[in-house]
Amino acid sequence: MKKVFRILALSLLLAMPAFASNGGGMIRNPGTTGGTTGGTTSGTTTPNPGTGTTGNVAGVVEQTWKAAAGQIKTVVNNVVFPALDMILSIAFFGKLALAYFDFRKHGQFEWSGPVILFACLVLILTAPLYIWSIIGI
């Protein structure tokens, strides 16, 4: 088991530069070669550098969220939930097999691990039916 964790840790360390490729996490202005983006952080409007006018940042964020909400829902339904289902089903059947082997060895079946994993699996399998009404998308 320690070997698996070492391999996972090593793979995360090797993959980390790919995720941090934008210069150490700094948000850069696409039109410049360095530095962070300008603008105010305390107000709701920021100056538009090209025209000298101000824009409504809150309105832009709301419009962007409304436009992206459908895409986020599609990605979560088609990628995230199936991935979680796969991980939980593998863990459930693995834990069930280990519980059976412990039963054969000790004569007592431990139900708590498989039951918890099964409950989580059922919760995640049915999550797309109710999660979006809770969130409001």
N, C-alpha and C. Protein backbone atom coordinates (compact mmCIF):
# COMPACT_ATOMS: atom_id res chain seq x y z
N MET A 1 0.83 -1.19 0.00
CA MET A 1 0.00 0.00 0.00
C MET A 1 0.87 1.25 0.00
N LYS A 2 1.99 1.22 0.71
CA LYS A 2 2.88 2.38 0.73
C LYS A 2 3.45 2.65 -0.65
N LYS A 3 3.68 1.57 -1.41
CA LYS A 3 4.23 1.73 -2.74
C LYS A 3 3.24 2.45 -3.65
N VAL A 4 1.96 2.17 -3.50
CA VAL A 4 0.94 2.84 -4.30
C VAL A 4 0.92 4.33 -3.98
N PHE A 5 0.98 4.67 -2.70
CA PHE A 5 0.97 6.09 -2.32
C PHE A 5 2.23 6.79 -2.81
N ARG A 6 3.36 6.11 -2.79
CA ARG A 6 4.60 6.72 -3.30
C ARG A 6 4.48 6.98 -4.80
N ILE A 7 3.90 6.03 -5.54
CA ILE A 7 3.74 6.21 -6.98
C ILE A 7 2.79 7.36 -7.27
N LEU A 8 1.69 7.44 -6.52
CA LEU A 8 0.75 8.55 -6.71
C LEU A 8 1.39 9.89 -6.38
N ALA A 9 2.14 9.95 -5.30
CA ALA A 9 2.81 11.20 -4.93
C ALA A 9 3.82 11.61 -5.98
N LEU A 10 4.57 10.64 -6.50
CA LEU A 10 5.56 10.94 -7.53
C LEU A 10 4.87 11.43 -8.81
N SER A 11 3.76 10.81 -9.18
CA SER A 11 3.06 11.24 -10.39
C SER A 11 2.48 12.64 -10.21
N LEU A 12 2.01 12.97 -9.00
CA LEU A 12 1.52 14.33 -8.76
C LEU A 12 2.65 15.34 -8.84
N LEU A 13 3.82 14.99 -8.31
CA LEU A 13 4.95 15.91 -8.38
C LEU A 13 5.40 16.12 -9.82
N LEU A 14 5.33 15.07 -10.63
CA LEU A 14 5.73 15.20 -12.02
C LEU A 14 4.70 15.97 -12.83
N ALA A 15 3.43 15.87 -12.47
CA ALA A 15 2.38 16.56 -13.21
C ALA A 15 2.20 18.00 -12.75
N MET A 16 2.74 18.38 -11.62
CA MET A 16 2.54 19.72 -11.07
C MET A 16 3.03 20.83 -12.01
N PRO A 17 4.18 20.71 -12.69
CA PRO A 17 4.57 21.80 -13.59
C PRO A 17 3.58 22.04 -14.72
N ALA A 18 2.85 21.02 -15.14
CA ALA A 18 1.87 21.21 -16.20
C ALA A 18 0.70 22.06 -15.73
N PHE A 19 0.33 21.95 -14.46
CA PHE A 19 -0.77 22.74 -13.93
C PHE A 19 -0.34 24.16 -13.58
N ALA A 20 0.92 24.34 -13.28
CA ALA A 20 1.43 25.65 -12.88
C ALA A 20 2.17 26.33 -14.02
N SER A 21 1.75 26.10 -15.26
CA SER A 21 2.49 26.61 -16.41
C SER A 21 2.23 28.08 -16.70
N ASN A 22 1.32 28.72 -15.98
CA ASN A 22 1.05 30.12 -16.29
C ASN A 22 1.90 31.07 -15.46
N GLY A 23 3.05 30.65 -15.02
CA GLY A 23 3.96 31.55 -14.34
C GLY A 23 3.79 31.57 -12.84
N GLY A 24 3.58 30.43 -12.24
CA GLY A 24 3.52 30.36 -10.79
C GLY A 24 2.20 30.80 -10.22
N GLY A 25 1.14 30.74 -10.98
CA GLY A 25 -0.17 31.07 -10.46
C GLY A 25 -0.55 32.52 -10.59
N MET A 26 0.30 33.36 -11.19
CA MET A 26 -0.03 34.77 -11.37
C MET A 26 -0.96 34.92 -12.55
N ILE A 27 -1.93 35.78 -12.44
CA ILE A 27 -2.84 36.06 -13.54
C ILE A 27 -2.20 37.16 -14.37
N ARG A 28 -1.96 36.88 -15.60
CA ARG A 28 -1.28 37.86 -16.45
C ARG A 28 -2.25 38.46 -17.45
N ASN A 29 -1.99 39.71 -17.78
CA ASN A 29 -2.76 40.39 -18.80
C ASN A 29 -2.29 39.86 -20.15
N PRO A 30 -3.19 39.38 -21.01
CA PRO A 30 -2.76 38.77 -22.26
C PRO A 30 -2.00 39.72 -23.17
N GLY A 31 -2.19 41.02 -23.04
CA GLY A 31 -1.52 41.96 -23.92
C GLY A 31 -0.13 42.35 -23.48
N THR A 32 0.34 41.93 -22.32
CA THR A 32 1.63 42.33 -21.81
C THR A 32 2.52 41.11 -21.65
N THR A 33 3.80 41.38 -21.39
CA THR A 33 4.73 40.28 -21.21
C THR A 33 4.97 39.94 -19.76
N GLY A 34 4.51 40.72 -18.84
CA GLY A 34 4.72 40.42 -17.43
C GLY A 34 3.80 41.23 -16.56
N GLY A 35 3.82 40.96 -15.27
CA GLY A 35 3.00 41.69 -14.32
C GLY A 35 1.61 41.11 -14.20
N THR A 36 0.88 41.61 -13.23
CA THR A 36 -0.48 41.13 -13.01
C THR A 36 -1.46 42.07 -13.67
N THR A 37 -2.70 41.66 -13.72
CA THR A 37 -3.72 42.48 -14.37
C THR A 37 -4.00 43.71 -13.53
N GLY A 38 -4.39 44.77 -14.22
CA GLY A 38 -4.67 46.01 -13.53
C GLY A 38 -6.13 46.13 -13.17
N GLY A 39 -6.51 47.31 -12.69
CA GLY A 39 -7.91 47.54 -12.34
C GLY A 39 -8.07 47.63 -10.85
N THR A 40 -9.26 48.05 -10.44
CA THR A 40 -9.52 48.17 -9.01
C THR A 40 -10.11 46.88 -8.50
N THR A 41 -9.90 46.62 -7.22
CA THR A 41 -10.45 45.41 -6.62
C THR A 41 -11.53 45.71 -5.61
N SER A 42 -11.67 46.98 -5.22
CA SER A 42 -12.64 47.28 -4.18
C SER A 42 -13.99 47.71 -4.75
N GLY A 43 -14.06 48.27 -5.94
CA GLY A 43 -15.31 48.76 -6.49
C GLY A 43 -15.98 47.74 -7.38
N THR A 44 -17.15 48.13 -7.87
CA THR A 44 -17.87 47.22 -8.77
C THR A 44 -17.60 47.56 -10.22
N THR A 45 -16.94 48.69 -10.50
CA THR A 45 -16.63 49.04 -11.88
C THR A 45 -15.13 49.18 -12.03
N THR A 46 -14.65 48.80 -13.20
CA THR A 46 -13.23 48.97 -13.51
C THR A 46 -13.12 49.75 -14.80
N PRO A 47 -12.09 50.55 -14.93
CA PRO A 47 -11.95 51.33 -16.16
C PRO A 47 -11.62 50.43 -17.33
N ASN A 48 -12.16 50.75 -18.47
CA ASN A 48 -11.83 50.06 -19.70
C ASN A 48 -10.64 50.80 -20.31
N PRO A 49 -9.47 50.17 -20.38
CA PRO A 49 -8.28 50.91 -20.78
C PRO A 49 -8.34 51.46 -22.21
N GLY A 50 -9.10 50.86 -23.09
CA GLY A 50 -9.12 51.31 -24.48
C GLY A 50 -10.03 52.49 -24.71
N THR A 51 -11.11 52.64 -23.96
CA THR A 51 -12.10 53.66 -24.27
C THR A 51 -12.24 54.73 -23.19
N GLY A 52 -11.74 54.50 -22.02
CA GLY A 52 -11.89 55.46 -20.94
C GLY A 52 -13.23 55.38 -20.26
N THR A 53 -14.07 54.41 -20.60
CA THR A 53 -15.37 54.25 -19.97
C THR A 53 -15.28 53.20 -18.88
N THR A 54 -16.34 53.12 -18.08
CA THR A 54 -16.37 52.09 -17.04
C THR A 54 -17.44 51.08 -17.38
N GLY A 55 -17.26 49.84 -16.88
CA GLY A 55 -18.21 48.77 -17.12
C GLY A 55 -18.71 48.19 -15.82
N ASN A 56 -19.81 47.50 -15.89
CA ASN A 56 -20.41 46.88 -14.72
C ASN A 56 -19.85 45.47 -14.58
N VAL A 57 -18.94 45.26 -13.65
CA VAL A 57 -18.29 43.98 -13.47
C VAL A 57 -19.29 42.94 -12.97
N ALA A 58 -20.18 43.32 -12.07
CA ALA A 58 -21.16 42.38 -11.54
C ALA A 58 -22.07 41.86 -12.64
N GLY A 59 -22.48 42.74 -13.53
CA GLY A 59 -23.33 42.32 -14.64
C GLY A 59 -22.62 41.37 -15.58
N VAL A 60 -21.35 41.62 -15.83
CA VAL A 60 -20.56 40.75 -16.70
C VAL A 60 -20.39 39.38 -16.06
N VAL A 61 -20.13 39.36 -14.77
CA VAL A 61 -19.97 38.08 -14.07
C VAL A 61 -21.27 37.29 -14.09
N GLU A 62 -22.39 37.97 -13.87
CA GLU A 62 -23.69 37.29 -13.91
C GLU A 62 -23.99 36.74 -15.29
N GLN A 63 -23.71 37.50 -16.33
CA GLN A 63 -23.93 37.03 -17.70
C GLN A 63 -23.04 35.83 -18.01
N THR A 64 -21.81 35.89 -17.58
CA THR A 64 -20.89 34.79 -17.82
C THR A 64 -21.34 33.54 -17.09
N TRP A 65 -21.81 33.70 -15.86
CA TRP A 65 -22.29 32.54 -15.10
C TRP A 65 -23.52 31.93 -15.76
N LYS A 66 -24.44 32.77 -16.23
CA LYS A 66 -25.63 32.26 -16.89
C LYS A 66 -25.28 31.52 -18.16
N ALA A 67 -24.30 32.02 -18.89
CA ALA A 67 -23.89 31.37 -20.13
C ALA A 67 -23.15 30.06 -19.87
N ALA A 68 -22.38 30.02 -18.80
CA ALA A 68 -21.56 28.84 -18.52
C ALA A 68 -22.28 27.79 -17.68
N ALA A 69 -23.39 28.13 -17.06
CA ALA A 69 -24.08 27.20 -16.15
C ALA A 69 -24.51 25.92 -16.87
N GLY A 70 -25.01 26.04 -18.07
CA GLY A 70 -25.41 24.85 -18.82
C GLY A 70 -24.24 23.96 -19.16
N GLN A 71 -23.12 24.58 -19.53
CA GLN A 71 -21.92 23.81 -19.85
C GLN A 71 -21.35 23.13 -18.61
N ILE A 72 -21.38 23.84 -17.50
CA ILE A 72 -20.89 23.25 -16.25
C ILE A 72 -21.75 22.05 -15.87
N LYS A 73 -23.05 22.19 -16.00
CA LYS A 73 -23.97 21.09 -15.67
C LYS A 73 -23.72 19.89 -16.56
N THR A 74 -23.50 20.12 -17.85
CA THR A 74 -23.24 19.03 -18.78
C THR A 74 -21.94 18.31 -18.44
N VAL A 75 -20.90 19.07 -18.15
CA VAL A 75 -19.61 18.46 -17.82
C VAL A 75 -19.69 17.67 -16.53
N VAL A 76 -20.34 18.21 -15.54
CA VAL A 76 -20.45 17.51 -14.26
C VAL A 76 -21.28 16.24 -14.42
N ASN A 77 -22.38 16.31 -15.18
CA ASN A 77 -23.21 15.13 -15.38
C ASN A 77 -22.53 14.05 -16.21
N ASN A 78 -21.73 14.46 -17.21
CA ASN A 78 -21.13 13.49 -18.12
C ASN A 78 -19.73 13.06 -17.76
N VAL A 79 -19.03 13.80 -16.88
CA VAL A 79 -17.65 13.47 -16.54
C VAL A 79 -17.46 13.23 -15.05
N VAL A 80 -17.86 14.19 -14.23
CA VAL A 80 -17.54 14.12 -12.80
C VAL A 80 -18.33 13.01 -12.10
N PHE A 81 -19.64 12.99 -12.30
CA PHE A 81 -20.44 11.95 -11.63
C PHE A 81 -20.08 10.54 -12.08
N PRO A 82 -19.88 10.28 -13.38
CA PRO A 82 -19.44 8.92 -13.76
C PRO A 82 -18.07 8.54 -13.19
N ALA A 83 -17.17 9.51 -13.09
CA ALA A 83 -15.86 9.21 -12.51
C ALA A 83 -16.00 8.86 -11.02
N LEU A 84 -16.82 9.62 -10.31
CA LEU A 84 -17.05 9.30 -8.90
C LEU A 84 -17.76 7.96 -8.75
N ASP A 85 -18.69 7.67 -9.64
CA ASP A 85 -19.38 6.37 -9.60
C ASP A 85 -18.40 5.23 -9.80
N MET A 86 -17.48 5.38 -10.74
CA MET A 86 -16.49 4.34 -11.00
C MET A 86 -15.58 4.14 -9.79
N ILE A 87 -15.11 5.23 -9.22
CA ILE A 87 -14.21 5.13 -8.06
C ILE A 87 -14.93 4.47 -6.89
N LEU A 88 -16.16 4.91 -6.62
CA LEU A 88 -16.90 4.32 -5.49
C LEU A 88 -17.29 2.87 -5.73
N SER A 89 -17.60 2.50 -6.97
CA SER A 89 -17.94 1.10 -7.23
C SER A 89 -16.72 0.20 -7.08
N ILE A 90 -15.56 0.67 -7.54
CA ILE A 90 -14.33 -0.12 -7.34
C ILE A 90 -14.02 -0.25 -5.85
N ALA A 91 -14.16 0.84 -5.11
CA ALA A 91 -13.90 0.79 -3.67
C ALA A 91 -14.91 -0.12 -2.97
N PHE A 92 -16.18 -0.07 -3.39
CA PHE A 92 -17.20 -0.91 -2.77
C PHE A 92 -16.91 -2.39 -2.99
N PHE A 93 -16.66 -2.78 -4.23
CA PHE A 93 -16.42 -4.19 -4.49
C PHE A 93 -15.10 -4.66 -3.89
N GLY A 94 -14.10 -3.78 -3.86
CA GLY A 94 -12.85 -4.13 -3.19
C GLY A 94 -13.04 -4.33 -1.70
N LYS A 95 -13.78 -3.43 -1.07
CA LYS A 95 -14.05 -3.55 0.37
C LYS A 95 -14.91 -4.76 0.67
N LEU A 96 -15.85 -5.07 -0.22
CA LEU A 96 -16.69 -6.25 -0.05
C LEU A 96 -15.84 -7.52 -0.12
N ALA A 97 -14.90 -7.56 -1.06
CA ALA A 97 -14.02 -8.73 -1.16
C ALA A 97 -13.13 -8.86 0.06
N LEU A 98 -12.58 -7.74 0.52
CA LEU A 98 -11.74 -7.78 1.73
C LEU A 98 -12.54 -8.20 2.95
N ALA A 99 -13.79 -7.74 3.04
CA ALA A 99 -14.64 -8.14 4.17
C ALA A 99 -14.93 -9.63 4.11
N TYR A 100 -15.12 -10.17 2.91
CA TYR A 100 -15.36 -11.61 2.77
C TYR A 100 -14.12 -12.41 3.18
N PHE A 101 -12.94 -11.95 2.76
CA PHE A 101 -11.72 -12.66 3.14
C PHE A 101 -11.48 -12.59 4.65
N ASP A 102 -11.82 -11.45 5.26
CA ASP A 102 -11.73 -11.36 6.72
C ASP A 102 -12.73 -12.28 7.39
N PHE A 103 -13.91 -12.44 6.79
CA PHE A 103 -14.91 -13.35 7.31
C PHE A 103 -14.40 -14.79 7.28
N ARG A 104 -13.78 -15.16 6.18
CA ARG A 104 -13.25 -16.52 6.08
C ARG A 104 -12.11 -16.74 7.07
N LYS A 105 -11.36 -15.70 7.36
CA LYS A 105 -10.22 -15.83 8.27
C LYS A 105 -10.65 -15.81 9.73
N HIS A 106 -11.56 -14.89 10.09
CA HIS A 106 -11.92 -14.68 11.49
C HIS A 106 -13.31 -15.19 11.85
N GLY A 107 -14.16 -15.46 10.88
CA GLY A 107 -15.49 -15.97 11.16
C GLY A 107 -16.52 -14.90 11.48
N GLN A 108 -16.18 -13.63 11.32
CA GLN A 108 -17.13 -12.55 11.59
C GLN A 108 -17.10 -11.59 10.40
N PHE A 109 -18.29 -11.29 9.86
CA PHE A 109 -18.37 -10.40 8.70
C PHE A 109 -18.55 -8.97 9.18
N GLU A 110 -17.69 -8.09 8.74
CA GLU A 110 -17.74 -6.67 9.10
C GLU A 110 -18.53 -5.93 8.02
N TRP A 111 -19.74 -5.45 8.39
CA TRP A 111 -20.64 -4.84 7.43
C TRP A 111 -20.44 -3.34 7.26
N SER A 112 -19.82 -2.67 8.19
CA SER A 112 -19.83 -1.20 8.19
C SER A 112 -19.16 -0.60 6.96
N GLY A 113 -18.00 -1.09 6.58
CA GLY A 113 -17.30 -0.53 5.41
C GLY A 113 -18.09 -0.68 4.12
N PRO A 114 -18.52 -1.91 3.77
CA PRO A 114 -19.31 -2.04 2.53
C PRO A 114 -20.63 -1.28 2.56
N VAL A 115 -21.29 -1.21 3.70
CA VAL A 115 -22.57 -0.50 3.77
C VAL A 115 -22.36 1.00 3.56
N ILE A 116 -21.34 1.57 4.15
CA ILE A 116 -21.06 3.01 3.97
C ILE A 116 -20.73 3.31 2.52
N LEU A 117 -19.89 2.47 1.90
CA LEU A 117 -19.54 2.68 0.50
C LEU A 117 -20.75 2.50 -0.42
N PHE A 118 -21.62 1.54 -0.09
CA PHE A 118 -22.83 1.35 -0.89
C PHE A 118 -23.76 2.55 -0.77
N ALA A 119 -23.90 3.09 0.43
CA ALA A 119 -24.73 4.28 0.62
C ALA A 119 -24.17 5.47 -0.16
N CYS A 120 -22.86 5.64 -0.13
CA CYS A 120 -22.23 6.72 -0.90
C CYS A 120 -22.43 6.51 -2.40
N LEU A 121 -22.34 5.26 -2.84
CA LEU A 121 -22.54 4.95 -4.26
C LEU A 121 -23.97 5.27 -4.70
N VAL A 122 -24.95 4.90 -3.89
CA VAL A 122 -26.34 5.21 -4.22
C VAL A 122 -26.56 6.72 -4.21
N LEU A 123 -25.97 7.42 -3.26
CA LEU A 123 -26.10 8.88 -3.18
C LEU A 123 -25.53 9.55 -4.43
N ILE A 124 -24.37 9.11 -4.87
CA ILE A 124 -23.73 9.72 -6.04
C ILE A 124 -24.45 9.29 -7.33
N LEU A 125 -24.96 8.06 -7.38
CA LEU A 125 -25.69 7.63 -8.58
C LEU A 125 -26.97 8.43 -8.79
N THR A 126 -27.61 8.82 -7.70
CA THR A 126 -28.86 9.57 -7.82
C THR A 126 -28.66 11.08 -7.73
N ALA A 127 -27.44 11.54 -7.52
CA ALA A 127 -27.17 12.97 -7.34
C ALA A 127 -27.60 13.83 -8.52
N PRO A 128 -27.42 13.42 -9.78
CA PRO A 128 -27.86 14.30 -10.87
C PRO A 128 -29.36 14.59 -10.87
N LEU A 129 -30.15 13.76 -10.20
CA LEU A 129 -31.59 13.98 -10.17
C LEU A 129 -31.99 15.12 -9.24
N TYR A 130 -31.21 15.39 -8.20
CA TYR A 130 -31.62 16.39 -7.22
C TYR A 130 -30.61 17.50 -6.98
N ILE A 131 -29.36 17.32 -7.35
CA ILE A 131 -28.33 18.29 -6.97
C ILE A 131 -28.54 19.64 -7.67
N TRP A 132 -29.04 19.62 -8.92
CA TRP A 132 -29.17 20.87 -9.65
C TRP A 132 -30.34 21.71 -9.13
N SER A 133 -31.36 21.07 -8.58
CA SER A 133 -32.45 21.86 -7.99
C SER A 133 -32.01 22.47 -6.66
N ILE A 134 -31.10 21.81 -5.95
CA ILE A 134 -30.57 22.36 -4.71
C ILE A 134 -29.69 23.56 -4.99
N ILE A 135 -28.81 23.42 -6.00
CA ILE A 135 -27.89 24.49 -6.35
C ILE A 135 -28.63 25.64 -7.04
N GLY A 136 -29.64 25.30 -7.81
CA GLY A 136 -30.41 26.33 -8.48
C GLY A 136 -30.04 26.55 -9.93
N ILE A 137 -29.49 25.54 -10.55
CA ILE A 137 -29.12 25.64 -11.98
C ILE A 137 -30.19 24.97 -12.81
